[in-house]
């Protein structure tokens, strides 16, 4: 349930947001593109992928960056596992 790497594009999209564990996703703000509903911490693709162990692909959402600007992003998350 830890984010250990974000590519440069993700850093730019989020305005240099800190990498956080999935239990800290309450710090981020986003809305589902289809419904317009606020996305709760448990509904982020990374959280769903970490909890289910399965990829979550192509979730379109509107995000609020830490500098207050908004962006539309297509987010996917694929959990990675080691021998443990």
Protein backbone atom coordinates (compact mmCIF):
# COMPACT_ATOMS: atom_id res chain seq x y z
CA UNK A 1 0.00 0.00 0.00
CA UNK A 2 2.93 2.39 -0.48
CA UNK A 3 3.62 4.59 -3.46
CA UNK A 4 7.36 4.31 -4.00
CA UNK A 5 7.73 5.99 -7.37
CA UNK A 6 5.89 8.55 -9.45
CA UNK A 7 7.03 9.54 -12.91
CA UNK A 8 7.80 13.16 -13.81
CA UNK A 9 4.43 13.62 -15.50
CA UNK A 10 2.63 12.65 -12.28
CA UNK A 11 4.76 15.09 -10.31
CA UNK A 12 3.89 17.87 -12.77
CA UNK A 13 0.17 17.02 -12.77
CA UNK A 14 0.00 17.15 -8.98
CA UNK A 15 2.16 20.26 -8.60
CA UNK A 16 5.00 18.53 -6.75
CA UNK A 17 2.71 16.67 -4.36
CA UNK A 18 4.39 14.39 -1.84
CA UNK A 19 4.31 10.63 -2.35
CA UNK A 20 1.99 9.19 0.25
CA UNK A 21 0.78 5.78 1.36
CA UNK A 22 -2.74 4.78 0.34
CA UNK A 23 -4.02 5.42 3.87
CA UNK A 24 -3.13 9.11 3.37
CA UNK A 25 -5.18 9.63 0.20
CA UNK A 26 -7.61 11.76 2.20
CA UNK A 27 -5.09 14.56 1.55
CA UNK A 28 -5.94 14.50 -2.18
CA UNK A 29 -9.14 15.88 -3.72
CA UNK A 30 -10.82 14.50 -6.86
CA UNK A 31 -14.19 13.95 -8.48
CA UNK A 32 -15.37 11.14 -10.71
CA UNK A 33 -15.74 12.48 -14.25
CA UNK A 34 -18.90 10.50 -15.04
CA UNK A 35 -20.90 11.14 -11.87
CA UNK A 36 -19.27 14.32 -10.58
CA UNK A 37 -19.15 12.72 -7.11
CA UNK A 38 -16.25 13.44 -4.79
CA UNK A 39 -13.88 10.47 -4.70
CA UNK A 40 -13.32 9.19 -1.17
CA UNK A 41 -9.91 7.94 -0.04
CA UNK A 42 -10.99 4.31 -0.52
CA UNK A 43 -12.10 4.91 -4.14
CA UNK A 44 -8.79 6.02 -5.65
CA UNK A 45 -7.41 3.59 -8.26
CA UNK A 46 -4.21 3.01 -6.24
CA UNK A 47 -6.20 2.14 -3.12
CA UNK A 48 -8.56 -0.19 -4.99
CA UNK A 49 -5.62 -1.91 -6.71
CA UNK A 50 -3.69 -2.29 -3.46
CA UNK A 51 -6.68 -3.76 -1.62
CA UNK A 52 -7.91 -6.03 -4.42
CA UNK A 53 -4.52 -7.08 -5.81
CA UNK A 54 -5.86 -6.40 -9.33
CA UNK A 55 -5.21 -3.59 -11.80
CA UNK A 56 -7.62 -0.66 -11.96
CA UNK A 57 -7.42 0.91 -15.39
CA UNK A 58 -8.54 4.13 -17.07
CA UNK A 59 -10.39 5.94 -14.29
CA UNK A 60 -11.17 9.46 -15.57
CA UNK A 61 -11.31 12.07 -12.83
CA UNK A 62 -11.04 15.78 -12.14
CA UNK A 63 -8.38 16.54 -9.55
CA UNK A 64 -7.56 19.57 -7.45
CA UNK A 65 -3.82 20.08 -7.26
CA UNK A 66 -2.10 21.26 -4.13
CA UNK A 67 -1.71 24.72 -5.68
CA UNK A 68 -5.52 24.94 -6.13
CA UNK A 69 -5.64 24.41 -9.90
CA UNK A 70 -7.79 21.65 -11.37
CA UNK A 71 -6.90 19.11 -14.04
CA UNK A 72 -8.53 16.15 -15.72
CA UNK A 73 -6.53 12.93 -15.51
CA UNK A 74 -6.92 9.35 -16.68
CA UNK A 75 -5.54 7.26 -13.84
CA UNK A 76 -4.58 3.59 -13.69
CA UNK A 77 -2.96 1.58 -10.91
CA UNK A 78 -1.27 -1.81 -11.11
CA UNK A 79 -0.17 -3.45 -7.87
CA UNK A 80 3.29 -5.01 -7.76
CA UNK A 81 4.19 -7.85 -5.43
CA UNK A 82 7.41 -9.37 -4.19
CA UNK A 83 8.02 -12.76 -2.59
CA UNK A 84 6.58 -11.53 0.72
